[in-house]
Structure formats: structure tokens, C-alpha cells
Amino acid sequence: MANPFEFLQQVRSEASKVTWPTRRETLITTGLVILLVVASSLFFVAVDQSIRLILGFILTLGK
């Protein structure tokens, strides 16, 4: 088992190799995520309402 000081040096060395995204890349990615969340939400609302209407129609046929 390595000593804690050596471990921290290795962690710092590996962290310096990380390529961080630019501000522009972060904003674009965030915008795409928000757009996809809204689109999928609208899709699932539409599917849910369609199923509700279809089942409501089927259930009224039995009365």
C-alpha cells in the first residue's frame, strides 16, 4: 500500500492530464441536454394523453 503523500502526488499528476471542456463546449452541451429533456417530456406527455384517450374511449364502449 502506497503512502498517502505519494498517492496525492499521483492523483495530482493524473488530474493535470485531464482535458477540460471550454466554456463554449459546456454551454452547447448544456443547451442540448435541456432541449432533449424538453423534447422527451413533450413526447411522453403526448403518448400518455393518447393512451388515456384511447382507454377512455374503450371503457365507454362497455357501458
PDB file of N, CA and C in Angstrom:
ATOM      1  N   MET A   1       0.845  -1.175   0.000  1.00  0.00           N
ATOM      2  CA  MET A   1       0.000   0.000   0.000  1.00  0.00           C
ATOM      3  C   MET A   1       0.894   1.242   0.000  1.00  0.00           C
ATOM      4  N   ALA A   2       0.617   2.189  -0.921  1.00  0.00           N
ATOM      5  CA  ALA A   2       1.429   3.398  -1.037  1.00  0.00           C
ATOM      6  C   ALA A   2       1.098   4.363   0.104  1.00  0.00           C
ATOM      7  N   ASN A   3       2.066   5.199   0.411  1.00  0.00           N
ATOM      8  CA  ASN A   3       1.787   6.163   1.474  1.00  0.00           C
ATOM      9  C   ASN A   3       0.879   7.272   0.937  1.00  0.00           C
ATOM     10  N   PRO A   4       0.156   7.967   1.799  1.00  0.00           N
ATOM     11  CA  PRO A   4      -0.818   8.982   1.370  1.00  0.00           C
ATOM     12  C   PRO A   4      -0.181  10.121   0.553  1.00  0.00           C
ATOM     13  N   PHE A   5       1.033  10.533   0.891  1.00  0.00           N
ATOM     14  CA  PHE A   5       1.683  11.617   0.174  1.00  0.00           C
ATOM     15  C   PHE A   5       1.943  11.226  -1.277  1.00  0.00           C
ATOM     16  N   GLU A   6       2.433  10.007  -1.469  1.00  0.00           N
ATOM     17  CA  GLU A   6       2.695   9.515  -2.821  1.00  0.00           C
ATOM     18  C   GLU A   6       1.389   9.397  -3.611  1.00  0.00           C
ATOM     19  N   PHE A   7       0.349   8.927  -2.933  1.00  0.00           N
ATOM     20  CA  PHE A   7      -0.958   8.796  -3.583  1.00  0.00           C
ATOM     21  C   PHE A   7      -1.455  10.161  -4.060  1.00  0.00           C
ATOM     22  N   LEU A   8      -1.365  11.175  -3.217  1.00  0.00           N
ATOM     23  CA  LEU A   8      -1.814  12.516  -3.593  1.00  0.00           C
ATOM     24  C   LEU A   8      -1.003  13.072  -4.755  1.00  0.00           C
ATOM     25  N   GLN A   9       0.284  12.772  -4.794  1.00  0.00           N
ATOM     26  CA  GLN A   9       1.112  13.213  -5.920  1.00  0.00           C
ATOM     27  C   GLN A   9       0.639  12.558  -7.218  1.00  0.00           C
ATOM     28  N   GLN A  10       0.307  11.284  -7.149  1.00  0.00           N
ATOM     29  CA  GLN A  10      -0.178  10.578  -8.329  1.00  0.00           C
ATOM     30  C   GLN A  10      -1.531  11.124  -8.786  1.00  0.00           C
ATOM     31  N   VAL A  11      -2.386  11.418  -7.834  1.00  0.00           N
ATOM     32  CA  VAL A  11      -3.695  11.980  -8.163  1.00  0.00           C
ATOM     33  C   VAL A  11      -3.516  13.327  -8.852  1.00  0.00           C
ATOM     34  N   ARG A  12      -2.664  14.161  -8.319  1.00  0.00           N
ATOM     35  CA  ARG A  12      -2.408  15.484  -8.901  1.00  0.00           C
ATOM     36  C   ARG A  12      -1.818  15.351 -10.315  1.00  0.00           C
ATOM     37  N   SER A  13      -0.931  14.385 -10.481  1.00  0.00           N
ATOM     38  CA  SER A  13      -0.319  14.156 -11.784  1.00  0.00           C
ATOM     39  C   SER A  13      -1.372  13.726 -12.808  1.00  0.00           C
ATOM     40  N   GLU A  14      -2.254  12.826 -12.421  1.00  0.00           N
ATOM     41  CA  GLU A  14      -3.301  12.357 -13.335  1.00  0.00           C
ATOM     42  C   GLU A  14      -4.318  13.461 -13.622  1.00  0.00           C
ATOM     43  N   ALA A  15      -4.638  14.261 -12.627  1.00  0.00           N
ATOM     44  CA  ALA A  15      -5.612  15.347 -12.818  1.00  0.00           C
ATOM     45  C   ALA A  15      -5.080  16.398 -13.782  1.00  0.00           C
ATOM     46  N   SER A  16      -3.783  16.573 -13.831  1.00  0.00           N
ATOM     47  CA  SER A  16      -3.216  17.556 -14.752  1.00  0.00           C
ATOM     48  C   SER A  16      -3.311  17.096 -16.205  1.00  0.00           C
ATOM     49  N   LYS A  17      -3.537  15.805 -16.428  1.00  0.00           N
ATOM     50  CA  LYS A  17      -3.660  15.255 -17.775  1.00  0.00           C
ATOM     51  C   LYS A  17      -5.076  15.404 -18.347  1.00  0.00           C
ATOM     52  N   VAL A  18      -6.019  15.777 -17.503  1.00  0.00           N
ATOM     53  CA  VAL A  18      -7.415  15.880 -17.924  1.00  0.00           C
ATOM     54  C   VAL A  18      -7.581  17.065 -18.864  1.00  0.00           C
ATOM     55  N   THR A  19      -8.304  16.853 -19.957  1.00  0.00           N
ATOM     56  CA  THR A  19      -8.620  17.936 -20.885  1.00  0.00           C
ATOM     57  C   THR A  19     -10.008  18.458 -20.522  1.00  0.00           C
ATOM     58  N   TRP A  20     -10.068  19.656 -19.966  1.00  0.00           N
ATOM     59  CA  TRP A  20     -11.326  20.225 -19.525  1.00  0.00           C
ATOM     60  C   TRP A  20     -12.016  20.896 -20.709  1.00  0.00           C
ATOM     61  N   PRO A  21     -13.363  20.820 -20.755  1.00  0.00           N
ATOM     62  CA  PRO A  21     -14.090  21.462 -21.856  1.00  0.00           C
ATOM     63  C   PRO A  21     -14.038  22.986 -21.722  1.00  0.00           C
ATOM     64  N   THR A  22     -14.134  23.655 -22.874  1.00  0.00           N
ATOM     65  CA  THR A  22     -14.158  25.109 -22.855  1.00  0.00           C
ATOM     66  C   THR A  22     -15.539  25.582 -22.412  1.00  0.00           C
ATOM     67  N   ARG A  23     -15.640  26.866 -22.137  1.00  0.00           N
ATOM     68  CA  ARG A  23     -16.929  27.437 -21.731  1.00  0.00           C
ATOM     69  C   ARG A  23     -17.966  27.242 -22.837  1.00  0.00           C
ATOM     70  N   ARG A  24     -17.549  27.440 -24.079  1.00  0.00           N
ATOM     71  CA  ARG A  24     -18.456  27.292 -25.219  1.00  0.00           C
ATOM     72  C   ARG A  24     -18.965  25.852 -25.318  1.00  0.00           C
ATOM     73  N   GLU A  25     -18.073  24.880 -25.201  1.00  0.00           N
ATOM     74  CA  GLU A  25     -18.479  23.471 -25.256  1.00  0.00           C
ATOM     75  C   GLU A  25     -19.455  23.133 -24.132  1.00  0.00           C
ATOM     76  N   THR A  26     -19.200  23.667 -22.960  1.00  0.00           N
ATOM     77  CA  THR A  26     -20.081  23.413 -21.817  1.00  0.00           C
ATOM     78  C   THR A  26     -21.465  23.999 -22.061  1.00  0.00           C
ATOM     79  N   LEU A  27     -21.526  25.223 -22.586  1.00  0.00           N
ATOM     80  CA  LEU A  27     -22.814  25.862 -22.851  1.00  0.00           C
ATOM     81  C   LEU A  27     -23.581  25.129 -23.949  1.00  0.00           C
ATOM     82  N   ILE A  28     -22.895  24.705 -24.995  1.00  0.00           N
ATOM     83  CA  ILE A  28     -23.554  23.968 -26.074  1.00  0.00           C
ATOM     84  C   ILE A  28     -24.107  22.643 -25.555  1.00  0.00           C
ATOM     85  N   THR A  29     -23.312  21.925 -24.801  1.00  0.00           N
ATOM     86  CA  THR A  29     -23.754  20.639 -24.256  1.00  0.00           C
ATOM     87  C   THR A  29     -24.931  20.820 -23.311  1.00  0.00           C
ATOM     88  N   THR A  30     -24.872  21.841 -22.469  1.00  0.00           N
ATOM     89  CA  THR A  30     -25.973  22.110 -21.546  1.00  0.00           C
ATOM     90  C   THR A  30     -27.245  22.437 -22.313  1.00  0.00           C
ATOM     91  N   GLY A  31     -27.128  23.257 -23.346  1.00  0.00           N
ATOM     92  CA  GLY A  31     -28.290  23.598 -24.162  1.00  0.00           C
ATOM     93  C   GLY A  31     -28.904  22.381 -24.831  1.00  0.00           C
ATOM     94  N   LEU A  32     -28.062  21.492 -25.341  1.00  0.00           N
ATOM     95  CA  LEU A  32     -28.566  20.271 -25.980  1.00  0.00           C
ATOM     96  C   LEU A  32     -29.276  19.364 -24.972  1.00  0.00           C
ATOM     97  N   VAL A  33     -28.728  19.273 -23.782  1.00  0.00           N
ATOM     98  CA  VAL A  33     -29.362  18.446 -22.749  1.00  0.00           C
ATOM     99  C   VAL A  33     -30.738  19.010 -22.403  1.00  0.00           C
ATOM    100  N   ILE A  34     -30.829  20.320 -22.221  1.00  0.00           N
ATOM    101  CA  ILE A  34     -32.117  20.943 -21.891  1.00  0.00           C
ATOM    102  C   ILE A  34     -33.112  20.731 -23.028  1.00  0.00           C
ATOM    103  N   LEU A  35     -32.655  20.910 -24.268  1.00  0.00           N
ATOM    104  CA  LEU A  35     -33.520  20.707 -25.434  1.00  0.00           C
ATOM    105  C   LEU A  35     -34.046  19.272 -25.498  1.00  0.00           C
ATOM    106  N   LEU A  36     -33.173  18.301 -25.275  1.00  0.00           N
ATOM    107  CA  LEU A  36     -33.598  16.900 -25.325  1.00  0.00           C
ATOM    108  C   LEU A  36     -34.537  16.538 -24.178  1.00  0.00           C
ATOM    109  N   VAL A  37     -34.335  17.140 -23.016  1.00  0.00           N
ATOM    110  CA  VAL A  37     -35.246  16.900 -21.886  1.00  0.00           C
ATOM    111  C   VAL A  37     -36.635  17.433 -22.211  1.00  0.00           C
ATOM    112  N   VAL A  38     -36.704  18.632 -22.768  1.00  0.00           N
ATOM    113  CA  VAL A  38     -37.997  19.211 -23.137  1.00  0.00           C
ATOM    114  C   VAL A  38     -38.665  18.374 -24.224  1.00  0.00           C
ATOM    115  N   ALA A  39     -37.903  17.976 -25.237  1.00  0.00           N
ATOM    116  CA  ALA A  39     -38.469  17.174 -26.332  1.00  0.00           C
ATOM    117  C   ALA A  39     -38.990  15.828 -25.826  1.00  0.00           C
ATOM    118  N   SER A  40     -38.215  15.158 -24.989  1.00  0.00           N
ATOM    119  CA  SER A  40     -38.673  13.856 -24.485  1.00  0.00           C
ATOM    120  C   SER A  40     -39.866  14.028 -23.547  1.00  0.00           C
ATOM    121  N   SER A  41     -39.910  15.108 -22.780  1.00  0.00           N
ATOM    122  CA  SER A  41     -41.059  15.374 -21.914  1.00  0.00           C
ATOM    123  C   SER A  41     -42.327  15.558 -22.739  1.00  0.00           C
ATOM    124  N   LEU A  42     -42.226  16.347 -23.812  1.00  0.00           N
ATOM    125  CA  LEU A  42     -43.386  16.556 -24.676  1.00  0.00           C
ATOM    126  C   LEU A  42     -43.827  15.253 -25.334  1.00  0.00           C
ATOM    127  N   PHE A  43     -42.867  14.440 -25.740  1.00  0.00           N
ATOM    128  CA  PHE A  43     -43.196  13.148 -26.341  1.00  0.00           C
ATOM    129  C   PHE A  43     -43.968  12.267 -25.359  1.00  0.00           C
ATOM    130  N   PHE A  44     -43.472  12.169 -24.120  1.00  0.00           N
ATOM    131  CA  PHE A  44     -44.129  11.300 -23.150  1.00  0.00           C
ATOM    132  C   PHE A  44     -45.480  11.844 -22.711  1.00  0.00           C
ATOM    133  N   VAL A  45     -45.641  13.155 -22.674  1.00  0.00           N
ATOM    134  CA  VAL A  45     -46.957  13.730 -22.383  1.00  0.00           C
ATOM    135  C   VAL A  45     -47.931  13.370 -23.498  1.00  0.00           C
ATOM    136  N   ALA A  46     -47.489  13.497 -24.748  1.00  0.00           N
ATOM    137  CA  ALA A  46     -48.349  13.165 -25.888  1.00  0.00           C
ATOM    138  C   ALA A  46     -48.736  11.693 -25.873  1.00  0.00           C
ATOM    139  N   VAL A  47     -47.790  10.810 -25.621  1.00  0.00           N
ATOM    140  CA  VAL A  47     -48.086   9.372 -25.566  1.00  0.00           C
ATOM    141  C   VAL A  47     -49.032   9.076 -24.415  1.00  0.00           C
ATOM    142  N   ASP A  48     -48.797   9.671 -23.261  1.00  0.00           N
ATOM    143  CA  ASP A  48     -49.636   9.443 -22.084  1.00  0.00           C
ATOM    144  C   ASP A  48     -51.070   9.898 -22.351  1.00  0.00           C
ATOM    145  N   GLN A  49     -51.221  11.075 -22.942  1.00  0.00           N
ATOM    146  CA  GLN A  49     -52.564  11.584 -23.232  1.00  0.00           C
ATOM    147  C   GLN A  49     -53.255  10.725 -24.294  1.00  0.00           C
ATOM    148  N   SER A  50     -52.513  10.260 -25.273  1.00  0.00           N
ATOM    149  CA  SER A  50     -53.098   9.391 -26.303  1.00  0.00           C
ATOM    150  C   SER A  50     -53.607   8.093 -25.696  1.00  0.00           C
ATOM    151  N   ILE A  51     -52.817   7.491 -24.849  1.00  0.00           N
ATOM    152  CA  ILE A  51     -53.231   6.244 -24.196  1.00  0.00           C
ATOM    153  C   ILE A  51     -54.446   6.495 -23.314  1.00  0.00           C
ATOM    154  N   ARG A  52     -54.471   7.627 -22.612  1.00  0.00           N
ATOM    155  CA  ARG A  52     -55.608   7.958 -21.749  1.00  0.00           C
ATOM    156  C   ARG A  52     -56.881   8.099 -22.578  1.00  0.00           C
ATOM    157  N   LEU A  53     -56.785   8.804 -23.706  1.00  0.00           N
ATOM    158  CA  LEU A  53     -57.969   8.980 -24.554  1.00  0.00           C
ATOM    159  C   LEU A  53     -58.449   7.656 -25.149  1.00  0.00           C
ATOM    160  N   ILE A  54     -57.511   6.835 -25.609  1.00  0.00           N
ATOM    161  CA  ILE A  54     -57.882   5.544 -26.198  1.00  0.00           C
ATOM    162  C   ILE A  54     -58.532   4.641 -25.163  1.00  0.00           C
ATOM    163  N   LEU A  55     -57.943   4.554 -23.980  1.00  0.00           N
ATOM    164  CA  LEU A  55     -58.529   3.709 -22.935  1.00  0.00           C
ATOM    165  C   LEU A  55     -59.873   4.259 -22.465  1.00  0.00           C
ATOM    166  N   GLY A  56     -59.984   5.579 -22.389  1.00  0.00           N
ATOM    167  CA  GLY A  56     -61.265   6.181 -22.016  1.00  0.00           C
ATOM    168  C   GLY A  56     -62.347   5.850 -23.024  1.00  0.00           C
ATOM    169  N   PHE A  57     -62.000   5.894 -24.308  1.00  0.00           N
ATOM    170  CA  PHE A  57     -62.953   5.544 -25.356  1.00  0.00           C
ATOM    171  C   PHE A  57     -63.347   4.077 -25.267  1.00  0.00           C
ATOM    172  N   ILE A  58     -62.374   3.197 -25.068  1.00  0.00           N
ATOM    173  CA  ILE A  58     -62.653   1.760 -24.980  1.00  0.00           C
ATOM    174  C   ILE A  58     -63.547   1.462 -23.769  1.00  0.00           C
ATOM    175  N   LEU A  59     -63.263   2.106 -22.662  1.00  0.00           N
ATOM    176  CA  LEU A  59     -64.052   1.850 -21.453  1.00  0.00           C
ATOM    177  C   LEU A  59     -65.477   2.382 -21.574  1.00  0.00           C
ATOM    178  N   THR A  60     -65.695   3.448 -22.338  1.00  0.00           N
ATOM    179  CA  THR A  60     -67.063   3.960 -22.510  1.00  0.00           C
ATOM    180  C   THR A  60     -67.870   3.065 -23.451  1.00  0.00           C
ATOM    181  N   LEU A  61     -67.206   2.275 -24.288  1.00  0.00           N
ATOM    182  CA  LEU A  61     -67.920   1.360 -25.165  1.00  0.00           C
ATOM    183  C   LEU A  61     -68.643   0.263 -24.371  1.00  0.00           C
ATOM    184  N   GLY A  62     -68.121  -0.082 -23.223  1.00  0.00           N
ATOM    185  CA  GLY A  62     -68.679  -1.156 -22.421  1.00  0.00           C
ATOM    186  C   GLY A  62     -69.890  -0.742 -21.603  1.00  0.00           C
ATOM    187  N   LYS A  63     -70.220   0.536 -21.564  1.00  0.00           N
ATOM    188  CA  LYS A  63     -71.361   0.991 -20.743  1.00  0.00           C
ATOM    189  C   LYS A  63     -72.663   0.803 -21.415  1.00  0.00           C
TER     190      LYS A  63
END
